[in-house]
Each structure stands twice: as C-alpha cells, then as structure tokens.
Amino acid sequence: MSTGADASLARELNHFFARFDTQRPPADTPQSSPPHTNSTLVLQEQEVRRVLKSANPRKATGPDGVPGKVLSACADQLADVFTSIFNQSLQQCSIPACLKTSTIIPVLKKPAADSLNDYRPVALTPVIMKCFERLIAKHIKDNLPPTLDPLQFAYKPNRSTDDAISTTLHSALSHLDHPGNYVRLLFLDFSSAFNNIIPDILTEKLLHLGLSSPICSWIKDFLSERPQSVKLGPHLSSTIIISTGSPQGCVLSPLLFTLYTSDCTPTHPCNTIIKFADDTAVVGLISGEDETLYRDEVSRLKKWCSGNNLHLNTTKTKEIILDFRKGRVDPPPLYIKGVSVDRVPSIRYLGVLITEDLSWTANTTAAVGKAQQRLHFLRILRRNNLYKKLLVTFYRATIESILTYCITAWYAGFSAADRKALQRVINTAQKITGSPLPSLEDIASSRYTSRARQIIKDSHHPNHHLFQLLLSGRRYRSHKARTNRLKNSFFPEQSTS
C-alpha cells in the first residue's frame, strides 16, 4: 500500500469509527428512580500510590508518550500530585481533554479486509488515565448490588465462561428432559457494541442502580467530547471530537457496557438471556410447539436494542435448534429486521463448539488440532535442552490450557473416543517433557470439585440453588434426570459425587 493511500485510509477510518456519534436516539427518561446520594468520591494517597505501582510497563503508551514504567518507578514521588488531580477531577465532575485523548489503532479482525467493518478500533489512551479508571471501577463495583444482572457472567468475581456455558446447557437440557419439548438457541451479535453507548442513557441507568450523582456526571464527562485520531503506520489523521461510545482499550469500557445492558432481561419465564460481555445467548424453551412467547421475547429484544442504540448484526446472528423428538418438523424461520436468521448445525460460543446433537466430537477435534500444533514447539524446546520444569510450564500454559478449556461444561458428556483423543495428546507431551503430567480425568475431577465449592460458597451465584443439602448435611440432593444428556452434565454430575 502506498504512503498516500495509508494516510487516506487513516482519515477514512477515523470518520468511519466516529460515525456512531450521529446515530444517537432520544433517551427515554425513566419516570422514577431509587434514591441516590450526592456524595463525592475522595481518593486516598495510598490508593493512588498502589495503582501507580501496579502500572503495567509493557502496555503501549498513549498520546502523552508517558510509559507505565515511569509511573511505576516514580509512584512514591507522583502519588501526592496525582491524588490532588484525581480528587479535583471528581469534585468538578470533569476530566482534562489531555487525559481523554485517544489514538485509534485499526486492528484487522481477519487476514484480509473487505470493508472498514473488518477493522477493530483499539484505543491507546494515557496510562495515567487507565490508573484513574481502575480506581473508579473499583468504587463502582463496590457500590453495585450483588444481585445485579445475575446472568451476566463477565467482569464479576467467581464468574467465568464455564459458568455461562454450563448455565446455557443446563437450562436447555433440563427442558429437553421432558418429552415433546425442544429448544431454540439464538446467539446474538452486536455491531460495534462498545462504540454505540449513549452517555445520557447510561447515566440514567447508573442513577437507577444507586450510584451517586457526581460519579454519574463524571462518567458522562468521561464519555463525552473525546478527542480522537487514527494512526496507521507512520500516518496520523486529523483529530475529531466524539461523544458516543466507550473506547475499546479503556479500563472502564467493559464494566460500563455490562451496566448499560443490565436491564436487558427476559420477559417470559420460559426464556433465558445469558450474557458474557456482549456475547448474548437467548434460550427459548418451547413446549407443545407453541413459539409465541419465544418470538415475542425476540421482538421485545429488538425494541430494546433500538431504544438503546445497539444494532444487531443479522449476518452474524445465528440460531441452533435442539430437537430430539421423533418425527420432528423444522419450525418456521425467525426474522430480524426482515432478514431470516441463519440456522446452523454448530456454533462457537465463548470458545466452545456447541452442536445441534449436543455431542462434543467437533469441539474435541478442534482442541486436538490446536494442541498438536503446539506440540511441535514443545519438541523444539526439548531438542534445545530446556529444563524439564520449563518444558512442563510451557506445556501447561500452551497445550493443557487448550485441552481443558471449559472442561467442567463438557467432560461428563463427551464420548470415550473423544476422551482417548485428548489423553493421547497428554501422553505424547509426557514423553516429550520426560515428566509425569496429570491425566485428563484427574484435571476434570479437580476442576469439578473446585468449581462446585466456589458456587456453593457464593449465595449470589445464579446456580447456587442447584446445590441443595440433604437432611443429613453430608450429601447434596441428586437431580432427577430422565435422559443421559441431562444426567451427564455438570450439575447433576456434581450432586451425586
């Protein structure tokens, strides 16, 4: 690509990423809200010193050019100054423009770009602002109710992708355990979700969650009038001001998005909306072939998206139908924005392949393929006489992590052939490293026990109620399961172990 073309593309990308600022719908002002305080957050010097010392020296510097290494090394000298600046910012509910300035780095989502949508706008912001955001994020989390949006599994303690997948599967399998039922799984995809946040709408939602007015005003200023330019190679576009969206790369952005979507909840009890950040799955439990409530749920979800300036990507939104009835008939298609949603036999959800027959062969094959590629590098390290301890560390970080990803969601239900395929990779790695490695069964048993204990201790976990002690107080009540599909899943498996 020529130098002139690079500069032109940088300018074009800048205007493309800023186009969402013109898509602001009128905010629906709620009629009533719970009482909220007007107290201003005051940061202590030791808090600021601690967050400065934890600044990651490997993070790319923002437009100010100040690296994290400097902030970390000079934390004792800078803590007093930045404490004063941060508190003044909180008191005035205003952030200096120099701290809100960001440089957008376009990152390709796939090998070759066909359109501007194929670029992900990653924002480089000042490292000191990231430190400030961490302090605000901690304050927000400490003041949120523990029962907020229980089916949002991202950015919460004791929540993970394992929980999101296990909850999705348990909801579906429990319904399929009764004859004559089937399940429709709708996996939604939002177009540039973070870039479409409207500060006014978010502020109203934060006030309803009980956050103080000064913090809400500070967040509104944080998202408004942000100077932005796009850098492509050595070329830097002109600066424009945007007031919509939360930049991808800011510490607060993921948390703010989860709060922005916290009121996206199902209307009907036969439907479930499970979220992990912007990855959203709608579980429709269909009985008697009556899909009225499911289709009404999807219709209401579309209206909610429209009212919150979030746009569904109909080309990437997919649906899987789980139907094990004899003589089944394919239900009518689902339409979103006049476009028929693609019905697929399998889909990758949070890194795990889920198929319409609920077998784990496709997921196992994919995991084995990735792991075998990394075995090549393990062999190279062995030929270069790397210490056994380091070989094992490399194996656990790059191979075992792939083989056992979300193992609590699928281990009990996958076949003996799949189990042997994964164990063969472990046996090969064991020969290469020359050290004993834990078997797949041992890893699964350990993860099962650990995950179950963590859920039992957390009374606010959405699956806590699935673990009920018997009167003896020694064992947990077993789940009734008519089919092996439900019996060989995480929660029934743990209740009988």
Foldseek 3Di string as FASTA:
>chain_A
DDPVVLQVVQQVLVCVLQVLLVVDDDADFDPDADDAAADFDQDDLVLLLVLLLVQDQPDDAWPVPDGSVVSNVCSVVCSVVVSVVLSVCLVVLADDLLQLEWEWEWDAPDDDDPDSLRTATAIHGHSSSLSSVVVLVVVLVVLFDLLQLLQAQAPDPLGDVLLNLQVLLLLQQVLVLDPQKKKKKKKWDWRQLQQNFQLVNLLSLSVRRRYHNSSSSSVQNSQFQHWYWYDDPPHIHDIDTHRGGDHRHHPCSQVSQCSLCRPLAFDDPQWGWHHHRRTIMIMHIDHPLDCVSVLVRVVVNLVVCSSRRIHIDQVPIEMEMQDDHPPDDDDDFHDDPNDTRHYDQWDQGPNAIAGSPRERPVRLVVLLVQLVVVVVVLLVCLVVVDALVVSVVSCVVRRVCSLCPSVQFPVLPYDPVSLVSSQVSVVVSCVSSVHDDDGPVVVNVVVLVVSLVSLCVDPSNPCNVLFDADPVRPATDADDGNDVSSCSGRSNVRRVD
